[in-house]
């Protein structure tokens, strides 16, 4: 068995897959199917692409705008509805108009008028979702799966690799990991968790024999104005950034579950988020804005 690594870009982030295989041809076959699946989901659900299925589905939103969705999209919508309920409305797949206002690339604070305009187009409760039909009743309203689709894609890529006959490997989509299978000798894969204040430096190493690891945080896209830092993660109910952990990392049986848990912990804030993770019983590491760490994953 030899280790093969393949790097590529998709979903707006650097990606890498690693496989242990008998020969390069076998490893490359797994890479091909993994990348094809990730690219398929990017083409379908990207909110940055005007030619994605998502862009077409949201075009023309208004009182009479409805779209019938396939089973895959319906399952993601059901999952989003569950997360919305569990978070008390904080997790909202319609919140992109607000998130974009607080993106660090804007270099200025949004005006009250801009926030009010965005809030008028945000709110899962405004959507009429009755499988398989979705209605977007507000002009300019959109939804996207930015909070779950990368983790879902990592899991799907791992499934595709196993179906292709490669069972020792790991999928890495911008730091969100899904294990195809442990090393051929049964040893787990080792993964590093970034230090938010210096993302090039790992602050913890974890063993992953199976399942997935996901990290949520605001350290890469925060808006800084006049020395004050504003998270790009926004409370959709107020339109203003939340005050929470700098990052939360979670290990779970799938990357999708790990990503959902880490995202909800961030959205719920430091106290409620920490209690939420403790209640789940999943291995986790929370790092606050001062760099202090807590959780069941040991920091280096």
C-alpha atoms as a PDB file:
ATOM      1  CA  UNK A   1       0.000   0.000   0.000  1.00  0.00           C
ATOM      2  CA  UNK A   2       1.166   3.500  -0.859  1.00  0.00           C
ATOM      3  CA  UNK A   3      -0.205   6.925   0.064  1.00  0.00           C
ATOM      4  CA  UNK A   4      -1.483   9.102  -2.792  1.00  0.00           C
ATOM      5  CA  UNK A   5      -2.568  12.728  -2.447  1.00  0.00           C
ATOM      6  CA  UNK A   6      -4.534  14.854  -4.909  1.00  0.00           C
ATOM      7  CA  UNK A   7      -5.228  18.577  -4.488  1.00  0.00           C
ATOM      8  CA  UNK A   8      -7.929  20.583  -6.260  1.00  0.00           C
ATOM      9  CA  UNK A   9     -10.238  23.561  -5.747  1.00  0.00           C
ATOM     10  CA  UNK A  10     -14.001  23.446  -5.474  1.00  0.00           C
ATOM     11  CA  UNK A  11     -16.785  25.082  -3.482  1.00  0.00           C
ATOM     12  CA  UNK A  12     -14.643  28.184  -3.189  1.00  0.00           C
ATOM     13  CA  UNK A  13     -11.953  26.497  -1.092  1.00  0.00           C
ATOM     14  CA  UNK A  14      -8.784  24.401  -1.391  1.00  0.00           C
ATOM     15  CA  UNK A  15      -9.498  20.671  -1.267  1.00  0.00           C
ATOM     16  CA  UNK A  16      -7.386  17.547  -0.916  1.00  0.00           C
ATOM     17  CA  UNK A  17      -8.022  13.818  -0.916  1.00  0.00           C
ATOM     18  CA  UNK A  18      -5.625  11.184   0.415  1.00  0.00           C
ATOM     19  CA  UNK A  19      -5.852   7.483  -0.309  1.00  0.00           C
ATOM     20  CA  UNK A  20      -3.881   4.388   0.477  1.00  0.00           C
ATOM     21  CA  UNK A  21      -4.037   2.066  -2.496  1.00  0.00           C
ATOM     22  CA  UNK A  22      -2.099  -0.692  -4.229  1.00  0.00           C
ATOM     23  CA  UNK A  23      -1.308   1.496  -7.233  1.00  0.00           C
ATOM     24  CA  UNK A  24      -1.736   5.004  -8.580  1.00  0.00           C
ATOM     25  CA  UNK A  25      -4.418   3.990 -11.054  1.00  0.00           C
ATOM     26  CA  UNK A  26      -6.670   2.800  -8.221  1.00  0.00           C
ATOM     27  CA  UNK A  27      -6.056   5.936  -6.183  1.00  0.00           C
ATOM     28  CA  UNK A  28      -6.652   8.162  -9.192  1.00  0.00           C
ATOM     29  CA  UNK A  29      -9.953   6.406  -9.875  1.00  0.00           C
ATOM     30  CA  UNK A  30     -11.069   7.252  -6.343  1.00  0.00           C
ATOM     31  CA  UNK A  31      -9.915  10.844  -6.777  1.00  0.00           C
ATOM     32  CA  UNK A  32     -11.869  11.116 -10.021  1.00  0.00           C
ATOM     33  CA  UNK A  33     -15.142   9.942  -8.504  1.00  0.00           C
ATOM     34  CA  UNK A  34     -14.635  12.042  -5.345  1.00  0.00           C
ATOM     35  CA  UNK A  35     -13.951  15.214  -7.274  1.00  0.00           C
ATOM     36  CA  UNK A  36     -16.825  14.570  -9.671  1.00  0.00           C
ATOM     37  CA  UNK A  37     -19.226  14.336  -6.732  1.00  0.00           C
ATOM     38  CA  UNK A  38     -17.917  17.508  -5.080  1.00  0.00           C
ATOM     39  CA  UNK A  39     -18.057  19.393  -8.387  1.00  0.00           C
ATOM     40  CA  UNK A  40     -21.592  18.099  -9.011  1.00  0.00           C
ATOM     41  CA  UNK A  41     -22.780  19.524  -5.714  1.00  0.00           C
ATOM     42  CA  UNK A  42     -20.938  22.785  -6.306  1.00  0.00           C
ATOM     43  CA  UNK A  43     -22.607  23.164  -9.704  1.00  0.00           C
ATOM     44  CA  UNK A  44     -25.972  22.384  -8.152  1.00  0.00           C
ATOM     45  CA  UNK A  45     -25.901  24.408  -4.924  1.00  0.00           C
ATOM     46  CA  UNK A  46     -23.291  27.161  -5.292  1.00  0.00           C
ATOM     47  CA  UNK A  47     -24.659  30.585  -4.357  1.00  0.00           C
ATOM     48  CA  UNK A  48     -21.697  32.234  -6.092  1.00  0.00           C
ATOM     49  CA  UNK A  49     -22.517  30.848  -9.549  1.00  0.00           C
ATOM     50  CA  UNK A  50     -25.224  32.307 -11.757  1.00  0.00           C
ATOM     51  CA  UNK A  51     -25.555  28.999 -13.626  1.00  0.00           C
ATOM     52  CA  UNK A  52     -26.200  26.783 -10.589  1.00  0.00           C
ATOM     53  CA  UNK A  53     -29.492  25.018 -10.009  1.00  0.00           C
ATOM     54  CA  UNK A  54     -29.824  27.096  -6.842  1.00  0.00           C
ATOM     55  CA  UNK A  55     -29.564  30.381  -8.760  1.00  0.00           C
ATOM     56  CA  UNK A  56     -32.231  29.254 -11.187  1.00  0.00           C
ATOM     57  CA  UNK A  57     -34.485  28.026  -8.378  1.00  0.00           C
ATOM     58  CA  UNK A  58     -34.334  31.378  -6.594  1.00  0.00           C
ATOM     59  CA  UNK A  59     -34.725  33.548  -9.698  1.00  0.00           C
ATOM     60  CA  UNK A  60     -38.058  35.293  -9.797  1.00  0.00           C
ATOM     61  CA  UNK A  61     -38.841  34.932  -6.084  1.00  0.00           C
ATOM     62  CA  UNK A  62     -42.192  36.504  -5.280  1.00  0.00           C
ATOM     63  CA  UNK A  63     -45.755  35.694  -4.214  1.00  0.00           C
ATOM     64  CA  UNK A  64     -46.375  33.257  -7.069  1.00  0.00           C
ATOM     65  CA  UNK A  65     -42.891  31.717  -7.274  1.00  0.00           C
ATOM     66  CA  UNK A  66     -42.739  27.986  -6.541  1.00  0.00           C
ATOM     67  CA  UNK A  67     -40.245  25.282  -7.439  1.00  0.00           C
ATOM     68  CA  UNK A  68     -40.431  21.507  -7.173  1.00  0.00           C
ATOM     69  CA  UNK A  69     -37.229  20.000  -5.763  1.00  0.00           C
ATOM     70  CA  UNK A  70     -35.632  16.571  -6.042  1.00  0.00           C
ATOM     71  CA  UNK A  71     -35.204  14.131  -3.155  1.00  0.00           C
ATOM     72  CA  UNK A  72     -31.642  15.257  -2.377  1.00  0.00           C
ATOM     73  CA  UNK A  73     -32.637  18.916  -2.083  1.00  0.00           C
ATOM     74  CA  UNK A  74     -35.737  17.992  -0.090  1.00  0.00           C
ATOM     75  CA  UNK A  75     -33.610  16.138   2.456  1.00  0.00           C
ATOM     76  CA  UNK A  76     -31.312  19.145   2.824  1.00  0.00           C
ATOM     77  CA  UNK A  77     -34.310  21.442   3.273  1.00  0.00           C
ATOM     78  CA  UNK A  78     -35.732  19.133   5.948  1.00  0.00           C
ATOM     79  CA  UNK A  79     -32.338  19.152   7.694  1.00  0.00           C
ATOM     80  CA  UNK A  80     -32.210  22.956   7.524  1.00  0.00           C
ATOM     81  CA  UNK A  81     -35.711  23.164   9.002  1.00  0.00           C
ATOM     82  CA  UNK A  82     -34.617  20.944  11.903  1.00  0.00           C
ATOM     83  CA  UNK A  83     -31.552  23.108  12.581  1.00  0.00           C
ATOM     84  CA  UNK A  84     -33.703  26.250  12.432  1.00  0.00           C
ATOM     85  CA  UNK A  85     -35.995  24.808  15.104  1.00  0.00           C
ATOM     86  CA  UNK A  86     -33.146  23.534  17.296  1.00  0.00           C
ATOM     87  CA  UNK A  87     -31.395  26.906  17.214  1.00  0.00           C
ATOM     88  CA  UNK A  88     -34.448  29.003  17.993  1.00  0.00           C
ATOM     89  CA  UNK A  89     -34.316  30.564  14.546  1.00  0.00           C
ATOM     90  CA  UNK A  90     -30.596  31.397  14.573  1.00  0.00           C
ATOM     91  CA  UNK A  91     -29.728  28.901  11.820  1.00  0.00           C
ATOM     92  CA  UNK A  92     -31.490  30.259   8.759  1.00  0.00           C
ATOM     93  CA  UNK A  93     -30.655  29.318   5.169  1.00  0.00           C
ATOM     94  CA  UNK A  94     -32.269  32.546   3.924  1.00  0.00           C
ATOM     95  CA  UNK A  95     -29.828  34.774   5.872  1.00  0.00           C
ATOM     96  CA  UNK A  96     -27.310  35.357   3.046  1.00  0.00           C
ATOM     97  CA  UNK A  97     -28.446  38.978   2.360  1.00  0.00           C
ATOM     98  CA  UNK A  98     -27.463  39.855   5.935  1.00  0.00           C
ATOM     99  CA  UNK A  99     -24.260  37.817   5.947  1.00  0.00           C
ATOM    100  CA  UNK A 100     -23.020  39.572   2.819  1.00  0.00           C
ATOM    101  CA  UNK A 101     -23.449  42.976   4.493  1.00  0.00           C
ATOM    102  CA  UNK A 102     -21.013  42.008   7.249  1.00  0.00           C
ATOM    103  CA  UNK A 103     -18.418  40.267   5.080  1.00  0.00           C
ATOM    104  CA  UNK A 104     -14.884  41.494   5.778  1.00  0.00           C
ATOM    105  CA  UNK A 105     -14.358  42.388   2.127  1.00  0.00           C
ATOM    106  CA  UNK A 106     -16.861  45.259   2.426  1.00  0.00           C
ATOM    107  CA  UNK A 107     -14.540  47.361   4.649  1.00  0.00           C
ATOM    108  CA  UNK A 108     -17.412  49.420   6.083  1.00  0.00           C
ATOM    109  CA  UNK A 109     -20.377  49.011   8.373  1.00  0.00           C
ATOM    110  CA  UNK A 110     -23.726  48.514   6.690  1.00  0.00           C
ATOM    111  CA  UNK A 111     -26.248  51.303   7.120  1.00  0.00           C
ATOM    112  CA  UNK A 112     -29.480  50.821   9.103  1.00  0.00           C
ATOM    113  CA  UNK A 113     -31.354  51.089   5.812  1.00  0.00           C
ATOM    114  CA  UNK A 114     -29.273  48.301   4.257  1.00  0.00           C
ATOM    115  CA  UNK A 115     -29.870  46.066   7.280  1.00  0.00           C
ATOM    116  CA  UNK A 116     -33.615  46.748   7.201  1.00  0.00           C
ATOM    117  CA  UNK A 117     -33.775  46.006   3.468  1.00  0.00           C
ATOM    118  CA  UNK A 118     -31.907  42.711   3.931  1.00  0.00           C
ATOM    119  CA  UNK A 119     -34.047  41.664   6.902  1.00  0.00           C
ATOM    120  CA  UNK A 120     -37.158  42.153   4.779  1.00  0.00           C
ATOM    121  CA  UNK A 121     -35.859  39.368   2.497  1.00  0.00           C
ATOM    122  CA  UNK A 122     -34.761  36.999   5.272  1.00  0.00           C
ATOM    123  CA  UNK A 123     -36.680  34.459   7.348  1.00  0.00           C
ATOM    124  CA  UNK A 124     -37.186  30.708   7.074  1.00  0.00           C
ATOM    125  CA  UNK A 125     -40.630  31.225   8.579  1.00  0.00           C
ATOM    126  CA  UNK A 126     -41.592  33.156   5.443  1.00  0.00           C
ATOM    127  CA  UNK A 127     -40.883  30.150   3.219  1.00  0.00           C
ATOM    128  CA  UNK A 128     -43.663  27.723   2.401  1.00  0.00           C
ATOM    129  CA  UNK A 129     -42.023  24.286   2.340  1.00  0.00           C
ATOM    130  CA  UNK A 130     -44.257  21.311   1.648  1.00  0.00           C
ATOM    131  CA  UNK A 131     -42.226  18.501   0.133  1.00  0.00           C
ATOM    132  CA  UNK A 132     -41.508  18.501  -2.768  1.00  0.00           C
ATOM    133  CA  UNK A 133     -42.745  22.064  -3.395  1.00  0.00           C
ATOM    134  CA  UNK A 134     -40.969  25.178  -2.159  1.00  0.00           C
ATOM    135  CA  UNK A 135     -42.425  28.676  -2.360  1.00  0.00           C
ATOM    136  CA  UNK A 136     -40.315  31.819  -1.991  1.00  0.00           C
ATOM    137  CA  UNK A 137     -42.985  34.488  -1.507  1.00  0.00           C
ATOM    138  CA  UNK A 138     -40.805  37.610  -1.074  1.00  0.00           C
ATOM    139  CA  UNK A 139     -39.220  39.372  -4.041  1.00  0.00           C
ATOM    140  CA  UNK A 140     -35.437  39.091  -3.861  1.00  0.00           C
ATOM    141  CA  UNK A 141     -35.558  36.239  -1.342  1.00  0.00           C
ATOM    142  CA  UNK A 142     -32.995  33.455  -1.679  1.00  0.00           C
ATOM    143  CA  UNK A 143     -31.948  30.375   0.182  1.00  0.00           C
ATOM    144  CA  UNK A 144     -28.648  28.560   0.182  1.00  0.00           C
ATOM    145  CA  UNK A 145     -27.030  25.586   1.864  1.00  0.00           C
ATOM    146  CA  UNK A 146     -23.751  27.318   2.702  1.00  0.00           C
ATOM    147  CA  UNK A 147     -24.007  26.096   6.286  1.00  0.00           C
ATOM    148  CA  UNK A 148     -24.253  22.406   5.359  1.00  0.00           C
ATOM    149  CA  UNK A 149     -23.384  21.656   1.744  1.00  0.00           C
ATOM    150  CA  UNK A 150     -19.587  21.455   2.064  1.00  0.00           C
ATOM    151  CA  UNK A 151     -19.877  18.946   4.889  1.00  0.00           C
ATOM    152  CA  UNK A 152     -22.545  17.027   2.971  1.00  0.00           C
ATOM    153  CA  UNK A 153     -20.255  16.978  -0.072  1.00  0.00           C
ATOM    154  CA  UNK A 154     -17.366  15.568   1.984  1.00  0.00           C
ATOM    155  CA  UNK A 155     -19.585  12.719   3.193  1.00  0.00           C
ATOM    156  CA  UNK A 156     -20.898  12.050  -0.292  1.00  0.00           C
ATOM    157  CA  UNK A 157     -17.373  11.971  -1.740  1.00  0.00           C
ATOM    158  CA  UNK A 158     -16.362   9.416   0.899  1.00  0.00           C
ATOM    159  CA  UNK A 159     -19.356   7.239  -0.015  1.00  0.00           C
ATOM    160  CA  UNK A 160     -18.440   7.424  -3.705  1.00  0.00           C
ATOM    161  CA  UNK A 161     -14.852   6.359  -2.972  1.00  0.00           C
ATOM    162  CA  UNK A 162     -15.991   3.321  -1.024  1.00  0.00           C
ATOM    163  CA  UNK A 163     -18.333   2.409  -3.869  1.00  0.00           C
ATOM    164  CA  UNK A 164     -15.334   2.632  -6.218  1.00  0.00           C
ATOM    165  CA  UNK A 165     -13.468   0.086  -4.109  1.00  0.00           C
ATOM    166  CA  UNK A 166     -11.096   2.399  -2.209  1.00  0.00           C
ATOM    167  CA  UNK A 167     -11.606   2.020   1.541  1.00  0.00           C
ATOM    168  CA  UNK A 168      -8.544   3.726   3.080  1.00  0.00           C
ATOM    169  CA  UNK A 169      -8.603   7.500   2.792  1.00  0.00           C
ATOM    170  CA  UNK A 170      -9.830  10.891   3.894  1.00  0.00           C
ATOM    171  CA  UNK A 171     -11.617  13.768   2.124  1.00  0.00           C
ATOM    172  CA  UNK A 172     -10.632  17.332   3.063  1.00  0.00           C
ATOM    173  CA  UNK A 173     -12.830  20.170   1.785  1.00  0.00           C
ATOM    174  CA  UNK A 174     -11.425  23.388   3.166  1.00  0.00           C
ATOM    175  CA  UNK A 175     -10.698  21.811   6.539  1.00  0.00           C
ATOM    176  CA  UNK A 176     -13.928  19.843   6.833  1.00  0.00           C
ATOM    177  CA  UNK A 177     -13.038  16.149   6.812  1.00  0.00           C
ATOM    178  CA  UNK A 178     -14.819  12.902   6.026  1.00  0.00           C
ATOM    179  CA  UNK A 179     -13.032   9.591   6.534  1.00  0.00           C
ATOM    180  CA  UNK A 180     -13.341   7.038   3.751  1.00  0.00           C
ATOM    181  CA  UNK A 181     -11.737   4.445   6.014  1.00  0.00           C
ATOM    182  CA  UNK A 182      -8.836   4.104   8.436  1.00  0.00           C
ATOM    183  CA  UNK A 183      -5.270   3.410   7.294  1.00  0.00           C
ATOM    184  CA  UNK A 184      -4.771  -0.086   5.886  1.00  0.00           C
ATOM    185  CA  UNK A 185      -3.130  -1.127   9.198  1.00  0.00           C
ATOM    186  CA  UNK A 186      -6.191   0.072  11.130  1.00  0.00           C
ATOM    187  CA  UNK A 187      -4.559   3.242  12.471  1.00  0.00           C
ATOM    188  CA  UNK A 188      -6.655   6.434  12.458  1.00  0.00           C
ATOM    189  CA  UNK A 189      -5.913   9.464  10.320  1.00  0.00           C
ATOM    190  CA  UNK A 190      -4.416  12.461  12.123  1.00  0.00           C
ATOM    191  CA  UNK A 191      -5.984  15.884  11.608  1.00  0.00           C
ATOM    192  CA  UNK A 192      -4.990  19.327  12.853  1.00  0.00           C
ATOM    193  CA  UNK A 193      -7.345  22.000  14.177  1.00  0.00           C
ATOM    194  CA  UNK A 194      -6.298  25.560  13.313  1.00  0.00           C
ATOM    195  CA  UNK A 195      -5.576  28.289  15.843  1.00  0.00           C
ATOM    196  CA  UNK A 196      -8.036  31.093  14.944  1.00  0.00           C
ATOM    197  CA  UNK A 197      -5.518  33.868  15.634  1.00  0.00           C
ATOM    198  CA  UNK A 198      -2.952  32.139  13.397  1.00  0.00           C
ATOM    199  CA  UNK A 199      -4.668  29.691  11.006  1.00  0.00           C
ATOM    200  CA  UNK A 200      -1.337  28.429   9.742  1.00  0.00           C
ATOM    201  CA  UNK A 201      -0.612  26.916  13.147  1.00  0.00           C
ATOM    202  CA  UNK A 202      -2.458  23.847  14.508  1.00  0.00           C
ATOM    203  CA  UNK A 203      -3.632  24.130  18.085  1.00  0.00           C
ATOM    204  CA  UNK A 204      -4.725  20.503  18.433  1.00  0.00           C
ATOM    205  CA  UNK A 205      -4.220  17.172  16.679  1.00  0.00           C
ATOM    206  CA  UNK A 206      -7.006  14.620  16.674  1.00  0.00           C
ATOM    207  CA  UNK A 207      -7.341  10.994  15.596  1.00  0.00           C
ATOM    208  CA  UNK A 208     -10.048  10.120  13.079  1.00  0.00           C
ATOM    209  CA  UNK A 209     -10.603   6.392  12.515  1.00  0.00           C
ATOM    210  CA  UNK A 210     -14.029   7.058  11.003  1.00  0.00           C
ATOM    211  CA  UNK A 211     -16.728   9.713  10.699  1.00  0.00           C
ATOM    212  CA  UNK A 212     -15.910  13.370  10.212  1.00  0.00           C
ATOM    213  CA  UNK A 213     -14.478  16.573  11.654  1.00  0.00           C
ATOM    214  CA  UNK A 214     -15.827  20.063  10.972  1.00  0.00           C
ATOM    215  CA  UNK A 215     -14.882  23.524  12.192  1.00  0.00           C
ATOM    216  CA  UNK A 216     -17.009  26.661  12.204  1.00  0.00           C
ATOM    217  CA  UNK A 217     -15.656  30.108  12.961  1.00  0.00           C
ATOM    218  CA  UNK A 218     -15.497  33.759  12.068  1.00  0.00           C
ATOM    219  CA  UNK A 219     -11.747  34.216  11.901  1.00  0.00           C
ATOM    220  CA  UNK A 220     -11.406  34.238   8.096  1.00  0.00           C
ATOM    221  CA  UNK A 221     -14.147  36.687   7.071  1.00  0.00           C
ATOM    222  CA  UNK A 222     -14.653  39.049  10.014  1.00  0.00           C
ATOM    223  CA  UNK A 223     -15.228  42.733   9.307  1.00  0.00           C
ATOM    224  CA  UNK A 224     -12.872  45.164  11.083  1.00  0.00           C
ATOM    225  CA  UNK A 225     -13.832  48.857  11.152  1.00  0.00           C
ATOM    226  CA  UNK A 226     -11.987  51.476  13.224  1.00  0.00           C
ATOM    227  CA  UNK A 227     -10.270  48.710  15.157  1.00  0.00           C
ATOM    228  CA  UNK A 228     -13.510  46.957  16.148  1.00  0.00           C
ATOM    229  CA  UNK A 229     -14.123  43.427  14.938  1.00  0.00           C
ATOM    230  CA  UNK A 230     -17.547  42.319  13.687  1.00  0.00           C
ATOM    231  CA  UNK A 231     -18.308  38.671  12.950  1.00  0.00           C
ATOM    232  CA  UNK A 232     -19.755  37.798   9.549  1.00  0.00           C
ATOM    233  CA  UNK A 233     -22.004  35.323  11.397  1.00  0.00           C
ATOM    234  CA  UNK A 234     -25.239  37.234  11.868  1.00  0.00           C
ATOM    235  CA  UNK A 235     -28.316  36.875  14.049  1.00  0.00           C
ATOM    236  CA  UNK A 236     -31.057  36.812  11.388  1.00  0.00           C
ATOM    237  CA  UNK A 237     -33.567  38.129  13.904  1.00  0.00           C
ATOM    238  CA  UNK A 238     -31.701  41.391  14.541  1.00  0.00           C
ATOM    239  CA  UNK A 239     -29.489  41.681  11.489  1.00  0.00           C
ATOM    240  CA  UNK A 240     -26.407  42.243  13.647  1.00  0.00           C
ATOM    241  CA  UNK A 241     -23.348  40.026  14.158  1.00  0.00           C
ATOM    242  CA  UNK A 242     -23.303  37.583  17.030  1.00  0.00           C
ATOM    243  CA  UNK A 243     -20.732  37.523  19.829  1.00  0.00           C
ATOM    244  CA  UNK A 244     -19.501  33.992  20.223  1.00  0.00           C
ATOM    245  CA  UNK A 245     -16.521  31.666  19.974  1.00  0.00           C
ATOM    246  CA  UNK A 246     -13.779  32.360  17.452  1.00  0.00           C
ATOM    247  CA  UNK A 247     -14.053  28.721  16.370  1.00  0.00           C
ATOM    248  CA  UNK A 248     -15.735  25.461  17.282  1.00  0.00           C
ATOM    249  CA  UNK A 249     -14.552  22.049  16.051  1.00  0.00           C
ATOM    250  CA  UNK A 250     -16.619  18.883  16.433  1.00  0.00           C
ATOM    251  CA  UNK A 251     -16.035  15.197  15.675  1.00  0.00           C
ATOM    252  CA  UNK A 252     -19.086  13.091  14.788  1.00  0.00           C
ATOM    253  CA  UNK A 253     -20.176  10.016  12.857  1.00  0.00           C
ATOM    254  CA  UNK A 254     -20.441  12.165   9.732  1.00  0.00           C
ATOM    255  CA  UNK A 255     -19.000  15.471   8.589  1.00  0.00           C
ATOM    256  CA  UNK A 256     -22.536  16.800   8.110  1.00  0.00           C
ATOM    257  CA  UNK A 257     -23.489  16.170  11.749  1.00  0.00           C
ATOM    258  CA  UNK A 258     -20.143  17.578  12.934  1.00  0.00           C
ATOM    259  CA  UNK A 259     -20.674  20.717  10.852  1.00  0.00           C
ATOM    260  CA  UNK A 260     -24.235  21.209  12.067  1.00  0.00           C
ATOM    261  CA  UNK A 261     -23.157  20.858  15.705  1.00  0.00           C
ATOM    262  CA  UNK A 262     -20.239  23.272  15.348  1.00  0.00           C
ATOM    263  CA  UNK A 263     -22.372  25.836  13.505  1.00  0.00           C
ATOM    264  CA  UNK A 264     -25.184  25.729  16.054  1.00  0.00           C
ATOM    265  CA  UNK A 265     -22.696  26.065  18.919  1.00  0.00           C
ATOM    266  CA  UNK A 266     -21.310  29.229  17.310  1.00  0.00           C
ATOM    267  CA  UNK A 267     -24.795  30.631  16.705  1.00  0.00           C
ATOM    268  CA  UNK A 268     -25.988  29.929  20.244  1.00  0.00           C
ATOM    269  CA  UNK A 269     -23.116  31.889  21.836  1.00  0.00           C
ATOM    270  CA  UNK A 270     -20.455  30.899  24.313  1.00  0.00           C
ATOM    271  CA  UNK A 271     -22.580  29.877  27.286  1.00  0.00           C
ATOM    272  CA  UNK A 272     -25.535  28.245  25.545  1.00  0.00           C
ATOM    273  CA  UNK A 273     -23.297  26.852  22.794  1.00  0.00           C
ATOM    274  CA  UNK A 274     -20.969  25.161  25.290  1.00  0.00           C
ATOM    275  CA  UNK A 275     -23.933  23.647  27.138  1.00  0.00           C
ATOM    276  CA  UNK A 276     -25.394  22.439  23.833  1.00  0.00           C
ATOM    277  CA  UNK A 277     -22.181  20.632  22.925  1.00  0.00           C
ATOM    278  CA  UNK A 278     -21.860  19.074  26.361  1.00  0.00           C
ATOM    279  CA  UNK A 279     -25.389  17.768  25.996  1.00  0.00           C
ATOM    280  CA  UNK A 280     -24.593  16.192  22.633  1.00  0.00           C
ATOM    281  CA  UNK A 281     -21.615  14.356  24.109  1.00  0.00           C
ATOM    282  CA  UNK A 282     -19.554  14.757  20.916  1.00  0.00           C
ATOM    283  CA  UNK A 283     -15.793  15.421  21.085  1.00  0.00           C
ATOM    284  CA  UNK A 284     -15.306  19.158  20.573  1.00  0.00           C
ATOM    285  CA  UNK A 285     -12.922  22.080  20.985  1.00  0.00           C
ATOM    286  CA  UNK A 286     -14.149  25.643  21.499  1.00  0.00           C
ATOM    287  CA  UNK A 287     -11.761  28.591  21.266  1.00  0.00           C
ATOM    288  CA  UNK A 288     -12.963  32.002  22.422  1.00  0.00           C
ATOM    289  CA  UNK A 289     -11.918  35.405  21.149  1.00  0.00           C
ATOM    290  CA  UNK A 290      -8.991  35.565  23.613  1.00  0.00           C
ATOM    291  CA  UNK A 291      -7.599  32.212  22.466  1.00  0.00           C
ATOM    292  CA  UNK A 292      -8.735  30.277  25.528  1.00  0.00           C
ATOM    293  CA  UNK A 293      -9.809  26.720  24.740  1.00  0.00           C
ATOM    294  CA  UNK A 294     -12.398  24.425  26.290  1.00  0.00           C
ATOM    295  CA  UNK A 295     -13.998  21.103  25.427  1.00  0.00           C
ATOM    296  CA  UNK A 296     -13.203  17.430  25.326  1.00  0.00           C
ATOM    297  CA  UNK A 297     -10.487  17.610  22.630  1.00  0.00           C
ATOM    298  CA  UNK A 298      -7.104  18.295  24.216  1.00  0.00           C
ATOM    299  CA  UNK A 299      -5.255  21.365  22.956  1.00  0.00           C
ATOM    300  CA  UNK A 300      -1.538  21.051  22.153  1.00  0.00           C
END
